[in-house]
Amino acid sequence: TTFLQYVVLVVQRNNEKLLNFKDDLPTVAKADKIYWDQCINELEEMETQLEIVRKLALHDANSKKNIYSLPKKKGAQEDYDSDNLNIDEDMSLEEEVSLLRSTKIGMFALGAIKKV
């Protein structure tokens, strides 16, 4: 299903007179090439990336407040990744937002999450 086909289905259910909107918009034909599944997949990928940015921002804010402690590694060969940032899972939403607001990366993450 393309995005345009999805829009047409919704319009048919609600108000068929709106089906003539393509005459008013010269770029509607371009929407015929955009697939809904692709939009959903890209949105999910963006949400995943924003979650990583949120974790990094919390890590940065915790580091600046000197509350961050490095995760204990089992071996020297273990890779360091965003899942090992040792973010306090018991942190309230208000505490998390406050920490995110204390850094530029956090402010970016909050703004992006709000828009997505």
C-alpha atoms as a PDB file:
ATOM      1  CA  THR A   1       0.000   0.000   0.000  1.00  0.00           C
ATOM      2  CA  THR A   2       1.385   3.399  -0.931  1.00  0.00           C
ATOM      3  CA  PHE A   3       0.882   6.460   1.223  1.00  0.00           C
ATOM      4  CA  LEU A   4      -1.420   7.924  -1.421  1.00  0.00           C
ATOM      5  CA  GLN A   5      -3.556   4.770  -1.473  1.00  0.00           C
ATOM      6  CA  TYR A   6      -3.828   4.951   2.323  1.00  0.00           C
ATOM      7  CA  VAL A   7      -4.945   8.594   2.170  1.00  0.00           C
ATOM      8  CA  VAL A   8      -7.530   7.741  -0.504  1.00  0.00           C
ATOM      9  CA  LEU A   9      -8.962   4.929   1.654  1.00  0.00           C
ATOM     10  CA  VAL A  10      -9.301   7.242   4.655  1.00  0.00           C
ATOM     11  CA  VAL A  11     -10.903   9.982   2.547  1.00  0.00           C
ATOM     12  CA  GLN A  12     -13.355   7.520   0.955  1.00  0.00           C
ATOM     13  CA  ARG A  13     -14.508   6.466   4.401  1.00  0.00           C
ATOM     14  CA  ASN A  14     -14.961  10.005   5.674  1.00  0.00           C
ATOM     15  CA  ASN A  15     -15.729  12.446   2.856  1.00  0.00           C
ATOM     16  CA  GLU A  16     -15.642  11.437  -0.805  1.00  0.00           C
ATOM     17  CA  LYS A  17     -15.790  15.063  -1.958  1.00  0.00           C
ATOM     18  CA  LEU A  18     -12.213  15.411  -0.754  1.00  0.00           C
ATOM     19  CA  LEU A  19     -11.041  12.916  -3.369  1.00  0.00           C
ATOM     20  CA  ASN A  20     -10.743  15.830  -5.805  1.00  0.00           C
ATOM     21  CA  PHE A  21      -7.963  17.362  -3.713  1.00  0.00           C
ATOM     22  CA  LYS A  22      -5.383  16.011  -6.192  1.00  0.00           C
ATOM     23  CA  ASP A  23      -6.516  18.678  -8.650  1.00  0.00           C
ATOM     24  CA  ASP A  24      -5.526  21.325  -6.111  1.00  0.00           C
ATOM     25  CA  LEU A  25      -2.127  19.871  -5.305  1.00  0.00           C
ATOM     26  CA  PRO A  26       0.384  19.342  -8.124  1.00  0.00           C
ATOM     27  CA  THR A  27       2.715  17.251  -5.921  1.00  0.00           C
ATOM     28  CA  VAL A  28       0.150  14.587  -4.980  1.00  0.00           C
ATOM     29  CA  ALA A  29       1.327  12.356  -7.830  1.00  0.00           C
ATOM     30  CA  LYS A  30       4.745  12.106  -6.141  1.00  0.00           C
ATOM     31  CA  ALA A  31       3.088  10.571  -3.070  1.00  0.00           C
ATOM     32  CA  ASP A  32       2.176   7.592  -5.241  1.00  0.00           C
ATOM     33  CA  LYS A  33       5.794   6.438  -4.949  1.00  0.00           C
ATOM     34  CA  ILE A  34       5.960   6.596  -1.136  1.00  0.00           C
ATOM     35  CA  TYR A  35       5.123   3.319   0.555  1.00  0.00           C
ATOM     36  CA  TRP A  36       3.421   3.356   3.960  1.00  0.00           C
ATOM     37  CA  ASP A  37       5.475   0.407   5.239  1.00  0.00           C
ATOM     38  CA  GLN A  38       8.655   2.264   4.337  1.00  0.00           C
ATOM     39  CA  CYS A  39       7.451   5.321   6.292  1.00  0.00           C
ATOM     40  CA  ILE A  40       6.710   3.159   9.332  1.00  0.00           C
ATOM     41  CA  ASN A  41      10.105   1.413   9.124  1.00  0.00           C
ATOM     42  CA  GLU A  42      11.933   4.727   8.865  1.00  0.00           C
ATOM     43  CA  LEU A  43       9.986   6.128  11.814  1.00  0.00           C
ATOM     44  CA  GLU A  44      10.844   3.075  13.934  1.00  0.00           C
ATOM     45  CA  GLU A  45      14.529   3.448  13.013  1.00  0.00           C
ATOM     46  CA  MET A  46      14.397   7.120  13.953  1.00  0.00           C
ATOM     47  CA  GLU A  47      12.855   6.237  17.332  1.00  0.00           C
ATOM     48  CA  THR A  48      15.641   3.699  17.941  1.00  0.00           C
ATOM     49  CA  GLN A  49      18.297   6.289  17.122  1.00  0.00           C
ATOM     50  CA  LEU A  50      16.597   8.871  19.374  1.00  0.00           C
ATOM     51  CA  GLU A  51      16.637   6.376  22.239  1.00  0.00           C
ATOM     52  CA  ILE A  52      20.406   6.034  21.785  1.00  0.00           C
ATOM     53  CA  VAL A  53      20.788   9.832  21.759  1.00  0.00           C
ATOM     54  CA  ARG A  54      18.638  10.043  24.932  1.00  0.00           C
ATOM     55  CA  LYS A  55      20.868   7.497  26.691  1.00  0.00           C
ATOM     56  CA  LEU A  56      24.005   9.338  25.596  1.00  0.00           C
ATOM     57  CA  ALA A  57      22.569  12.637  26.802  1.00  0.00           C
ATOM     58  CA  LEU A  58      21.707  11.123  30.192  1.00  0.00           C
ATOM     59  CA  HIS A  59      25.205   9.674  30.377  1.00  0.00           C
ATOM     60  CA  ASP A  60      26.687  13.083  29.555  1.00  0.00           C
ATOM     61  CA  ALA A  61      24.534  14.830  32.154  1.00  0.00           C
ATOM     62  CA  ASN A  62      25.394  12.231  34.812  1.00  0.00           C
ATOM     63  CA  SER A  63      29.098  12.548  33.984  1.00  0.00           C
ATOM     64  CA  LYS A  64      28.969  16.296  34.469  1.00  0.00           C
ATOM     65  CA  LYS A  65      27.279  15.832  37.849  1.00  0.00           C
ATOM     66  CA  ASN A  66      29.874  13.222  38.865  1.00  0.00           C
ATOM     67  CA  ILE A  67      27.201  10.593  39.590  1.00  0.00           C
ATOM     68  CA  TYR A  68      28.100   8.331  36.740  1.00  0.00           C
ATOM     69  CA  SER A  69      30.020   5.184  37.525  1.00  0.00           C
ATOM     70  CA  LEU A  70      31.562   3.058  34.816  1.00  0.00           C
ATOM     71  CA  PRO A  71      29.962  -0.331  34.344  1.00  0.00           C
ATOM     72  CA  LYS A  72      31.970  -3.256  35.624  1.00  0.00           C
ATOM     73  CA  LYS A  73      33.283  -5.291  32.763  1.00  0.00           C
ATOM     74  CA  LYS A  74      33.731  -9.040  32.928  1.00  0.00           C
ATOM     75  CA  GLY A  75      36.734  -9.002  30.644  1.00  0.00           C
ATOM     76  CA  ALA A  76      39.040  -6.525  28.980  1.00  0.00           C
ATOM     77  CA  GLN A  77      37.815  -7.616  25.539  1.00  0.00           C
ATOM     78  CA  GLU A  78      34.172  -6.668  26.195  1.00  0.00           C
ATOM     79  CA  ASP A  79      32.871  -3.942  23.888  1.00  0.00           C
ATOM     80  CA  TYR A  80      31.532  -0.686  25.295  1.00  0.00           C
ATOM     81  CA  ASP A  81      28.160   0.309  23.876  1.00  0.00           C
ATOM     82  CA  SER A  82      25.120   2.436  24.704  1.00  0.00           C
ATOM     83  CA  ASP A  83      23.441  -0.442  26.573  1.00  0.00           C
ATOM     84  CA  ASN A  84      26.281  -0.358  29.138  1.00  0.00           C
ATOM     85  CA  LEU A  85      25.885   3.302  30.096  1.00  0.00           C
ATOM     86  CA  ASN A  86      24.596   2.343  33.544  1.00  0.00           C
ATOM     87  CA  ILE A  87      21.658   4.776  33.442  1.00  0.00           C
ATOM     88  CA  ASP A  88      19.590   4.799  36.633  1.00  0.00           C
ATOM     89  CA  GLU A  89      16.432   2.892  35.685  1.00  0.00           C
ATOM     90  CA  ASP A  90      14.662   4.035  38.886  1.00  0.00           C
ATOM     91  CA  MET A  91      14.932   7.686  37.861  1.00  0.00           C
ATOM     92  CA  SER A  92      11.588   9.490  37.740  1.00  0.00           C
ATOM     93  CA  LEU A  93      10.442  11.172  34.553  1.00  0.00           C
ATOM     94  CA  GLU A  94      10.918  14.592  36.159  1.00  0.00           C
ATOM     95  CA  GLU A  95      14.511  13.732  37.132  1.00  0.00           C
ATOM     96  CA  GLU A  96      15.256  12.430  33.649  1.00  0.00           C
ATOM     97  CA  VAL A  97      13.824  15.531  31.954  1.00  0.00           C
ATOM     98  CA  SER A  98      15.780  17.745  34.336  1.00  0.00           C
ATOM     99  CA  LEU A  99      19.011  15.917  33.506  1.00  0.00           C
ATOM    100  CA  LEU A 100      18.289  16.065  29.779  1.00  0.00           C
ATOM    101  CA  ARG A 101      17.643  19.807  29.974  1.00  0.00           C
ATOM    102  CA  SER A 102      21.103  20.306  31.486  1.00  0.00           C
ATOM    103  CA  THR A 103      22.944  19.464  28.238  1.00  0.00           C
ATOM    104  CA  LYS A 104      22.711  20.538  24.607  1.00  0.00           C
ATOM    105  CA  ILE A 105      22.420  16.926  23.477  1.00  0.00           C
ATOM    106  CA  GLY A 106      19.623  16.403  25.984  1.00  0.00           C
ATOM    107  CA  MET A 107      17.747  19.470  24.767  1.00  0.00           C
ATOM    108  CA  PHE A 108      18.056  18.184  21.208  1.00  0.00           C
ATOM    109  CA  ALA A 109      16.779  14.744  22.280  1.00  0.00           C
ATOM    110  CA  LEU A 110      13.802  16.227  24.132  1.00  0.00           C
ATOM    111  CA  GLY A 111      12.849  18.392  21.159  1.00  0.00           C
ATOM    112  CA  ALA A 112      13.209  15.521  18.675  1.00  0.00           C
ATOM    113  CA  ILE A 113      11.268  13.070  20.857  1.00  0.00           C
ATOM    114  CA  LYS A 114       8.490  15.620  21.220  1.00  0.00           C
ATOM    115  CA  LYS A 115       8.205  15.960  17.436  1.00  0.00           C
ATOM    116  CA  VAL A 116       8.297  12.222  16.753  1.00  0.00           C
END
